[in-house]
Amino acid sequence: MPLSQWKRQKQLSPRLKDCLSAHDDPNEIDIRNLYKKTAALAFMPPTAVKDLWSQTTDEYDTINGISPFFDYVTETWIEDSLFDISL
């Protein structure tokens, strides 16, 4: 993984870690669900991943400050990805 992406992932990790803990805040619940749906993409048919990711970003675009996470996943795994989507 290139260094810049590693730094970006490290910056996102503490925030995601805090948000994944059990809370009743609807925004935090949304973040947990977004994380689960993002992880589930690895188990979807490769032909469906782009459409599912688009639906997911549309569903959770109201979460404040989520754009860097969307950008990271899109750039690394979905569109101009470092890895083939069929991995």
PDB file of N, CA and C in Angstrom:
ATOM      1  N   MET A   1       0.856  -1.169   0.000  1.00  0.00           N
ATOM      2  CA  MET A   1       0.000   0.000   0.000  1.00  0.00           C
ATOM      3  C   MET A   1       0.905   1.235   0.000  1.00  0.00           C
ATOM      4  N   PRO A   2       0.680   2.163  -0.932  1.00  0.00           N
ATOM      5  CA  PRO A   2       1.489   3.386  -0.940  1.00  0.00           C
ATOM      6  C   PRO A   2       1.356   4.141   0.385  1.00  0.00           C
ATOM      7  N   LEU A   3       2.405   4.854   0.728  1.00  0.00           N
ATOM      8  CA  LEU A   3       2.476   5.532   2.014  1.00  0.00           C
ATOM      9  C   LEU A   3       1.332   6.520   2.223  1.00  0.00           C
ATOM     10  N   SER A   4       0.973   7.280   1.187  1.00  0.00           N
ATOM     11  CA  SER A   4      -0.095   8.269   1.347  1.00  0.00           C
ATOM     12  C   SER A   4      -1.417   7.606   1.716  1.00  0.00           C
ATOM     13  N   GLN A   5      -1.706   6.457   1.138  1.00  0.00           N
ATOM     14  CA  GLN A   5      -2.950   5.760   1.471  1.00  0.00           C
ATOM     15  C   GLN A   5      -2.873   5.176   2.872  1.00  0.00           C
ATOM     16  N   TRP A   6      -1.700   4.721   3.270  1.00  0.00           N
ATOM     17  CA  TRP A   6      -1.531   4.205   4.624  1.00  0.00           C
ATOM     18  C   TRP A   6      -1.797   5.309   5.640  1.00  0.00           C
ATOM     19  N   LYS A   7      -1.274   6.505   5.379  1.00  0.00           N
ATOM     20  CA  LYS A   7      -1.505   7.632   6.285  1.00  0.00           C
ATOM     21  C   LYS A   7      -2.993   7.975   6.343  1.00  0.00           C
ATOM     22  N   ARG A   8      -3.650   7.981   5.197  1.00  0.00           N
ATOM     23  CA  ARG A   8      -5.073   8.286   5.145  1.00  0.00           C
ATOM     24  C   ARG A   8      -5.874   7.257   5.939  1.00  0.00           C
ATOM     25  N   GLN A   9      -5.517   5.995   5.790  1.00  0.00           N
ATOM     26  CA  GLN A   9      -6.224   4.944   6.520  1.00  0.00           C
ATOM     27  C   GLN A   9      -5.992   5.080   8.019  1.00  0.00           C
ATOM     28  N   LYS A  10      -4.770   5.413   8.425  1.00  0.00           N
ATOM     29  CA  LYS A  10      -4.485   5.594   9.850  1.00  0.00           C
ATOM     30  C   LYS A  10      -5.275   6.769  10.422  1.00  0.00           C
ATOM     31  N   GLN A  11      -5.469   7.816   9.628  1.00  0.00           N
ATOM     32  CA  GLN A  11      -6.238   8.971  10.095  1.00  0.00           C
ATOM     33  C   GLN A  11      -7.704   8.609  10.265  1.00  0.00           C
ATOM     34  N   LEU A  12      -8.232   7.763   9.413  1.00  0.00           N
ATOM     35  CA  LEU A  12      -9.631   7.367   9.487  1.00  0.00           C
ATOM     36  C   LEU A  12      -9.870   6.339  10.588  1.00  0.00           C
ATOM     37  N   SER A  13      -8.877   5.515  10.876  1.00  0.00           N
ATOM     38  CA  SER A  13      -9.064   4.404  11.803  1.00  0.00           C
ATOM     39  C   SER A  13      -9.549   4.812  13.192  1.00  0.00           C
ATOM     40  N   PRO A  14      -8.951   5.806  13.865  1.00  0.00           N
ATOM     41  CA  PRO A  14      -9.444   6.146  15.204  1.00  0.00           C
ATOM     42  C   PRO A  14     -10.901   6.597  15.200  1.00  0.00           C
ATOM     43  N   ARG A  15     -11.280   7.337  14.179  1.00  0.00           N
ATOM     44  CA  ARG A  15     -12.665   7.810  14.098  1.00  0.00           C
ATOM     45  C   ARG A  15     -13.623   6.643  13.913  1.00  0.00           C
ATOM     46  N   LEU A  16     -13.271   5.731  13.026  1.00  0.00           N
ATOM     47  CA  LEU A  16     -14.123   4.569  12.818  1.00  0.00           C
ATOM     48  C   LEU A  16     -14.185   3.713  14.078  1.00  0.00           C
ATOM     49  N   LYS A  17     -13.064   3.573  14.757  1.00  0.00           N
ATOM     50  CA  LYS A  17     -13.020   2.778  15.982  1.00  0.00           C
ATOM     51  C   LYS A  17     -13.987   3.351  17.018  1.00  0.00           C
ATOM     52  N   ASP A  18     -13.976   4.668  17.190  1.00  0.00           N
ATOM     53  CA  ASP A  18     -14.885   5.307  18.135  1.00  0.00           C
ATOM     54  C   ASP A  18     -16.342   5.118  17.720  1.00  0.00           C
ATOM     55  N   CYS A  19     -16.590   5.212  16.432  1.00  0.00           N
ATOM     56  CA  CYS A  19     -17.962   5.140  15.941  1.00  0.00           C
ATOM     57  C   CYS A  19     -18.519   3.721  15.954  1.00  0.00           C
ATOM     58  N   LEU A  20     -17.639   2.729  15.941  1.00  0.00           N
ATOM     59  CA  LEU A  20     -18.103   1.355  15.914  1.00  0.00           C
ATOM     60  C   LEU A  20     -18.444   0.822  17.301  1.00  0.00           C
ATOM     61  N   SER A  21     -18.107   1.573  18.327  1.00  0.00           N
ATOM     62  CA  SER A  21     -18.480   1.139  19.671  1.00  0.00           C
ATOM     63  C   SER A  21     -19.990   1.309  19.844  1.00  0.00           C
ATOM     64  N   ALA A  22     -20.546   0.604  20.787  1.00  0.00           N
ATOM     65  CA  ALA A  22     -22.002   0.597  20.971  1.00  0.00           C
ATOM     66  C   ALA A  22     -22.506   1.920  21.544  1.00  0.00           C
ATOM     67  N   HIS A  23     -23.315   2.614  20.775  1.00  0.00           N
ATOM     68  CA  HIS A  23     -23.963   3.857  21.186  1.00  0.00           C
ATOM     69  C   HIS A  23     -25.363   3.876  20.601  1.00  0.00           C
ATOM     70  N   ASP A  24     -26.187   4.750  21.127  1.00  0.00           N
ATOM     71  CA  ASP A  24     -27.551   4.866  20.625  1.00  0.00           C
ATOM     72  C   ASP A  24     -27.750   6.047  19.686  1.00  0.00           C
ATOM     73  N   ASP A  25     -26.709   6.830  19.456  1.00  0.00           N
ATOM     74  CA  ASP A  25     -26.795   7.979  18.571  1.00  0.00           C
ATOM     75  C   ASP A  25     -27.080   7.500  17.149  1.00  0.00           C
ATOM     76  N   PRO A  26     -28.149   8.000  16.513  1.00  0.00           N
ATOM     77  CA  PRO A  26     -28.489   7.548  15.149  1.00  0.00           C
ATOM     78  C   PRO A  26     -27.351   7.741  14.150  1.00  0.00           C
ATOM     79  N   ASN A  27     -26.575   8.819  14.279  1.00  0.00           N
ATOM     80  CA  ASN A  27     -25.466   9.043  13.358  1.00  0.00           C
ATOM     81  C   ASN A  27     -24.410   7.955  13.517  1.00  0.00           C
ATOM     82  N   GLU A  28     -24.141   7.557  14.755  1.00  0.00           N
ATOM     83  CA  GLU A  28     -23.157   6.510  14.994  1.00  0.00           C
ATOM     84  C   GLU A  28     -23.669   5.154  14.530  1.00  0.00           C
ATOM     85  N   ILE A  29     -24.960   4.935  14.666  1.00  0.00           N
ATOM     86  CA  ILE A  29     -25.547   3.698  14.152  1.00  0.00           C
ATOM     87  C   ILE A  29     -25.405   3.662  12.636  1.00  0.00           C
ATOM     88  N   ASP A  30     -25.627   4.785  11.969  1.00  0.00           N
ATOM     89  CA  ASP A  30     -25.442   4.872  10.516  1.00  0.00           C
ATOM     90  C   ASP A  30     -24.005   4.534  10.128  1.00  0.00           C
ATOM     91  N   ILE A  31     -23.048   5.029  10.887  1.00  0.00           N
ATOM     92  CA  ILE A  31     -21.645   4.766  10.575  1.00  0.00           C
ATOM     93  C   ILE A  31     -21.338   3.279  10.732  1.00  0.00           C
ATOM     94  N   ARG A  32     -21.868   2.664  11.767  1.00  0.00           N
ATOM     95  CA  ARG A  32     -21.663   1.219  11.943  1.00  0.00           C
ATOM     96  C   ARG A  32     -22.276   0.442  10.781  1.00  0.00           C
ATOM     97  N   ASN A  33     -23.476   0.831  10.368  1.00  0.00           N
ATOM     98  CA  ASN A  33     -24.122   0.142   9.247  1.00  0.00           C
ATOM     99  C   ASN A  33     -23.364   0.375   7.945  1.00  0.00           C
ATOM    100  N   LEU A  34     -22.866   1.583   7.753  1.00  0.00           N
ATOM    101  CA  LEU A  34     -22.058   1.875   6.569  1.00  0.00           C
ATOM    102  C   LEU A  34     -20.811   1.001   6.552  1.00  0.00           C
ATOM    103  N   TYR A  35     -20.162   0.875   7.680  1.00  0.00           N
ATOM    104  CA  TYR A  35     -18.965   0.039   7.768  1.00  0.00           C
ATOM    105  C   TYR A  35     -19.292  -1.411   7.413  1.00  0.00           C
ATOM    106  N   LYS A  36     -20.390  -1.922   7.918  1.00  0.00           N
ATOM    107  CA  LYS A  36     -20.787  -3.301   7.636  1.00  0.00           C
ATOM    108  C   LYS A  36     -21.075  -3.496   6.144  1.00  0.00           C
ATOM    109  N   LYS A  37     -21.783  -2.535   5.552  1.00  0.00           N
ATOM    110  CA  LYS A  37     -22.106  -2.654   4.124  1.00  0.00           C
ATOM    111  C   LYS A  37     -20.844  -2.547   3.268  1.00  0.00           C
ATOM    112  N   THR A  38     -19.919  -1.714   3.701  1.00  0.00           N
ATOM    113  CA  THR A  38     -18.663  -1.588   2.958  1.00  0.00           C
ATOM    114  C   THR A  38     -17.882  -2.897   3.018  1.00  0.00           C
ATOM    115  N   ALA A  39     -17.798  -3.493   4.189  1.00  0.00           N
ATOM    116  CA  ALA A  39     -17.088  -4.768   4.337  1.00  0.00           C
ATOM    117  C   ALA A  39     -17.776  -5.881   3.545  1.00  0.00           C
ATOM    118  N   ALA A  40     -19.097  -5.829   3.455  1.00  0.00           N
ATOM    119  CA  ALA A  40     -19.851  -6.859   2.743  1.00  0.00           C
ATOM    120  C   ALA A  40     -19.596  -6.832   1.243  1.00  0.00           C
ATOM    121  N   LEU A  41     -19.105  -5.730   0.717  1.00  0.00           N
ATOM    122  CA  LEU A  41     -18.822  -5.651  -0.724  1.00  0.00           C
ATOM    123  C   LEU A  41     -17.833  -6.726  -1.162  1.00  0.00           C
ATOM    124  N   ALA A  42     -16.965  -7.143  -0.254  1.00  0.00           N
ATOM    125  CA  ALA A  42     -15.975  -8.171  -0.585  1.00  0.00           C
ATOM    126  C   ALA A  42     -16.623  -9.509  -0.925  1.00  0.00           C
ATOM    127  N   PHE A  43     -17.857  -9.711  -0.505  1.00  0.00           N
ATOM    128  CA  PHE A  43     -18.536 -10.974  -0.724  1.00  0.00           C
ATOM    129  C   PHE A  43     -19.587 -10.913  -1.834  1.00  0.00           C
ATOM    130  N   MET A  44     -19.689  -9.764  -2.485  1.00  0.00           N
ATOM    131  CA  MET A  44     -20.667  -9.584  -3.555  1.00  0.00           C
ATOM    132  C   MET A  44     -20.046  -9.974  -4.902  1.00  0.00           C
ATOM    133  N   PRO A  45     -20.885 -10.321  -5.870  1.00  0.00           N
ATOM    134  CA  PRO A  45     -20.355 -10.607  -7.206  1.00  0.00           C
ATOM    135  C   PRO A  45     -19.649  -9.361  -7.758  1.00  0.00           C
ATOM    136  N   PRO A  46     -18.480  -9.527  -8.363  1.00  0.00           N
ATOM    137  CA  PRO A  46     -17.725  -8.372  -8.867  1.00  0.00           C
ATOM    138  C   PRO A  46     -18.528  -7.454  -9.785  1.00  0.00           C
ATOM    139  N   THR A  47     -19.459  -8.019 -10.540  1.00  0.00           N
ATOM    140  CA  THR A  47     -20.254  -7.198 -11.459  1.00  0.00           C
ATOM    141  C   THR A  47     -21.246  -6.295 -10.732  1.00  0.00           C
ATOM    142  N   ALA A  48     -21.542  -6.603  -9.479  1.00  0.00           N
ATOM    143  CA  ALA A  48     -22.526  -5.828  -8.725  1.00  0.00           C
ATOM    144  C   ALA A  48     -21.907  -4.793  -7.792  1.00  0.00           C
ATOM    145  N   VAL A  49     -20.600  -4.844  -7.592  1.00  0.00           N
ATOM    146  CA  VAL A  49     -19.949  -4.014  -6.575  1.00  0.00           C
ATOM    147  C   VAL A  49     -20.131  -2.516  -6.831  1.00  0.00           C
ATOM    148  N   LYS A  50     -19.909  -2.066  -8.060  1.00  0.00           N
ATOM    149  CA  LYS A  50     -20.015  -0.628  -8.336  1.00  0.00           C
ATOM    150  C   LYS A  50     -21.427  -0.097  -8.072  1.00  0.00           C
ATOM    151  N   ASP A  51     -22.429  -0.830  -8.492  1.00  0.00           N
ATOM    152  CA  ASP A  51     -23.812  -0.400  -8.252  1.00  0.00           C
ATOM    153  C   ASP A  51     -24.145  -0.408  -6.763  1.00  0.00           C
ATOM    154  N   LEU A  52     -23.708  -1.436  -6.060  1.00  0.00           N
ATOM    155  CA  LEU A  52     -23.972  -1.509  -4.624  1.00  0.00           C
ATOM    156  C   LEU A  52     -23.261  -0.382  -3.875  1.00  0.00           C
ATOM    157  N   TRP A  53     -22.034  -0.073  -4.283  1.00  0.00           N
ATOM    158  CA  TRP A  53     -21.303   1.019  -3.632  1.00  0.00           C
ATOM    159  C   TRP A  53     -21.995   2.354  -3.901  1.00  0.00           C
ATOM    160  N   SER A  54     -22.476   2.550  -5.101  1.00  0.00           N
ATOM    161  CA  SER A  54     -23.193   3.775  -5.437  1.00  0.00           C
ATOM    162  C   SER A  54     -24.455   3.916  -4.579  1.00  0.00           C
ATOM    163  N   GLN A  55     -25.197   2.830  -4.413  1.00  0.00           N
ATOM    164  CA  GLN A  55     -26.386   2.856  -3.564  1.00  0.00           C
ATOM    165  C   GLN A  55     -26.011   3.157  -2.109  1.00  0.00           C
ATOM    166  N   THR A  56     -24.909   2.578  -1.658  1.00  0.00           N
ATOM    167  CA  THR A  56     -24.470   2.780  -0.278  1.00  0.00           C
ATOM    168  C   THR A  56     -24.068   4.230  -0.041  1.00  0.00           C
ATOM    169  N   THR A  57     -23.311   4.815  -0.974  1.00  0.00           N
ATOM    170  CA  THR A  57     -22.901   6.211  -0.799  1.00  0.00           C
ATOM    171  C   THR A  57     -24.111   7.134  -0.831  1.00  0.00           C
ATOM    172  N   ASP A  58     -25.079   6.836  -1.677  1.00  0.00           N
ATOM    173  CA  ASP A  58     -26.305   7.644  -1.712  1.00  0.00           C
ATOM    174  C   ASP A  58     -27.083   7.547  -0.398  1.00  0.00           C
ATOM    175  N   GLU A  59     -27.105   6.360   0.178  1.00  0.00           N
ATOM    176  CA  GLU A  59     -27.866   6.130   1.406  1.00  0.00           C
ATOM    177  C   GLU A  59     -27.238   6.832   2.617  1.00  0.00           C
ATOM    178  N   TYR A  60     -25.901   6.922   2.635  1.00  0.00           N
ATOM    179  CA  TYR A  60     -25.217   7.439   3.826  1.00  0.00           C
ATOM    180  C   TYR A  60     -24.509   8.774   3.589  1.00  0.00           C
ATOM    181  N   ASP A  61     -24.848   9.490   2.540  1.00  0.00           N
ATOM    182  CA  ASP A  61     -24.157  10.747   2.236  1.00  0.00           C
ATOM    183  C   ASP A  61     -24.496  11.889   3.195  1.00  0.00           C
ATOM    184  N   THR A  62     -25.461  11.670   4.089  1.00  0.00           N
ATOM    185  CA  THR A  62     -25.824  12.716   5.052  1.00  0.00           C
ATOM    186  C   THR A  62     -24.961  12.699   6.316  1.00  0.00           C
ATOM    187  N   ILE A  63     -24.089  11.704   6.455  1.00  0.00           N
ATOM    188  CA  ILE A  63     -23.211  11.638   7.625  1.00  0.00           C
ATOM    189  C   ILE A  63     -22.141  12.719   7.484  1.00  0.00           C
ATOM    190  N   ASN A  64     -22.028  13.567   8.500  1.00  0.00           N
ATOM    191  CA  ASN A  64     -21.039  14.647   8.465  1.00  0.00           C
ATOM    192  C   ASN A  64     -19.614  14.096   8.405  1.00  0.00           C
ATOM    193  N   GLY A  65     -18.814  14.639   7.499  1.00  0.00           N
ATOM    194  CA  GLY A  65     -17.401  14.289   7.408  1.00  0.00           C
ATOM    195  C   GLY A  65     -17.114  12.920   6.835  1.00  0.00           C
ATOM    196  N   ILE A  66     -18.055  12.320   6.135  1.00  0.00           N
ATOM    197  CA  ILE A  66     -17.869  10.962   5.621  1.00  0.00           C
ATOM    198  C   ILE A  66     -17.179  10.937   4.257  1.00  0.00           C
ATOM    199  N   SER A  67     -17.066  12.080   3.614  1.00  0.00           N
ATOM    200  CA  SER A  67     -16.473  12.135   2.273  1.00  0.00           C
ATOM    201  C   SER A  67     -15.081  11.519   2.175  1.00  0.00           C
ATOM    202  N   PRO A  68     -14.172  11.750   3.133  1.00  0.00           N
ATOM    203  CA  PRO A  68     -12.850  11.112   3.024  1.00  0.00           C
ATOM    204  C   PRO A  68     -12.930   9.581   3.012  1.00  0.00           C
ATOM    205  N   PHE A  69     -13.862   9.019   3.772  1.00  0.00           N
ATOM    206  CA  PHE A  69     -14.034   7.560   3.761  1.00  0.00           C
ATOM    207  C   PHE A  69     -14.545   7.096   2.400  1.00  0.00           C
ATOM    208  N   PHE A  70     -15.550   7.796   1.867  1.00  0.00           N
ATOM    209  CA  PHE A  70     -16.067   7.451   0.539  1.00  0.00           C
ATOM    210  C   PHE A  70     -14.956   7.538  -0.506  1.00  0.00           C
ATOM    211  N   ASP A  71     -14.173   8.616  -0.449  1.00  0.00           N
ATOM    212  CA  ASP A  71     -13.081   8.795  -1.413  1.00  0.00           C
ATOM    213  C   ASP A  71     -12.064   7.668  -1.311  1.00  0.00           C
ATOM    214  N   TYR A  72     -11.700   7.310  -0.082  1.00  0.00           N
ATOM    215  CA  TYR A  72     -10.711   6.244   0.124  1.00  0.00           C
ATOM    216  C   TYR A  72     -11.206   4.925  -0.472  1.00  0.00           C
ATOM    217  N   VAL A  73     -12.421   4.542  -0.149  1.00  0.00           N
ATOM    218  CA  VAL A  73     -12.944   3.260  -0.649  1.00  0.00           C
ATOM    219  C   VAL A  73     -13.078   3.301  -2.167  1.00  0.00           C
ATOM    220  N   THR A  74     -13.597   4.395  -2.675  1.00  0.00           N
ATOM    221  CA  THR A  74     -13.785   4.504  -4.129  1.00  0.00           C
ATOM    222  C   THR A  74     -12.462   4.440  -4.866  1.00  0.00           C
ATOM    223  N   GLU A  75     -11.478   5.211  -4.407  1.00  0.00           N
ATOM    224  CA  GLU A  75     -10.183   5.255  -5.096  1.00  0.00           C
ATOM    225  C   GLU A  75      -9.378   3.970  -4.924  1.00  0.00           C
ATOM    226  N   THR A  76      -9.489   3.337  -3.784  1.00  0.00           N
ATOM    227  CA  THR A  76      -8.673   2.156  -3.511  1.00  0.00           C
ATOM    228  C   THR A  76      -9.307   0.865  -3.998  1.00  0.00           C
ATOM    229  N   TRP A  77     -10.621   0.747  -3.894  1.00  0.00           N
ATOM    230  CA  TRP A  77     -11.262  -0.529  -4.162  1.00  0.00           C
ATOM    231  C   TRP A  77     -12.280  -0.525  -5.300  1.00  0.00           C
ATOM    232  N   ILE A  78     -12.852   0.622  -5.657  1.00  0.00           N
ATOM    233  CA  ILE A  78     -13.978   0.601  -6.588  1.00  0.00           C
ATOM    234  C   ILE A  78     -13.606   1.052  -7.999  1.00  0.00           C
ATOM    235  N   GLU A  79     -13.235   2.299  -8.168  1.00  0.00           N
ATOM    236  CA  GLU A  79     -13.041   2.819  -9.523  1.00  0.00           C
ATOM    237  C   GLU A  79     -11.592   2.750  -9.979  1.00  0.00           C
ATOM    238  N   ASP A  80     -10.802   3.748  -9.680  1.00  0.00           N
ATOM    239  CA  ASP A  80      -9.394   3.733 -10.090  1.00  0.00           C
ATOM    240  C   ASP A  80      -8.616   2.911  -9.068  1.00  0.00           C
ATOM    241  N   SER A  81      -9.047   1.677  -8.901  1.00  0.00           N
ATOM    242  CA  SER A  81      -8.585   0.862  -7.782  1.00  0.00           C
ATOM    243  C   SER A  81      -7.159   0.362  -7.956  1.00  0.00           C
ATOM    244  N   LEU A  82      -6.518   0.199  -6.822  1.00  0.00           N
ATOM    245  CA  LEU A  82      -5.190  -0.394  -6.792  1.00  0.00           C
ATOM    246  C   LEU A  82      -5.258  -1.885  -7.021  1.00  0.00           C
ATOM    247  N   PHE A  83      -6.392  -2.468  -6.670  1.00  0.00           N
ATOM    248  CA  PHE A  83      -6.552  -3.914  -6.747  1.00  0.00           C
ATOM    249  C   PHE A  83      -7.703  -4.248  -7.679  1.00  0.00           C
ATOM    250  N   ASP A  84      -7.575  -5.360  -8.370  1.00  0.00           N
ATOM    251  CA  ASP A  84      -8.642  -5.816  -9.251  1.00  0.00           C
ATOM    252  C   ASP A  84      -9.877  -6.127  -8.404  1.00  0.00           C
ATOM    253  N   ILE A  85     -11.008  -5.715  -8.849  1.00  0.00           N
ATOM    254  CA  ILE A  85     -12.245  -5.868  -8.091  1.00  0.00           C
ATOM    255  C   ILE A  85     -12.595  -7.342  -7.867  1.00  0.00           C
ATOM    256  N   SER A  86     -12.052  -8.227  -8.658  1.00  0.00           N
ATOM    257  CA  SER A  86     -12.368  -9.657  -8.509  1.00  0.00           C
ATOM    258  C   SER A  86     -11.541 -10.334  -7.435  1.00  0.00           C
ATOM    259  N   LEU A  87     -10.640  -9.595  -6.772  1.00  0.00           N
ATOM    260  CA  LEU A  87      -9.813 -10.227  -5.721  1.00  0.00           C
ATOM    261  C   LEU A  87     -10.645 -10.706  -4.609  1.00  0.00           C
TER     262      LEU A  87
END
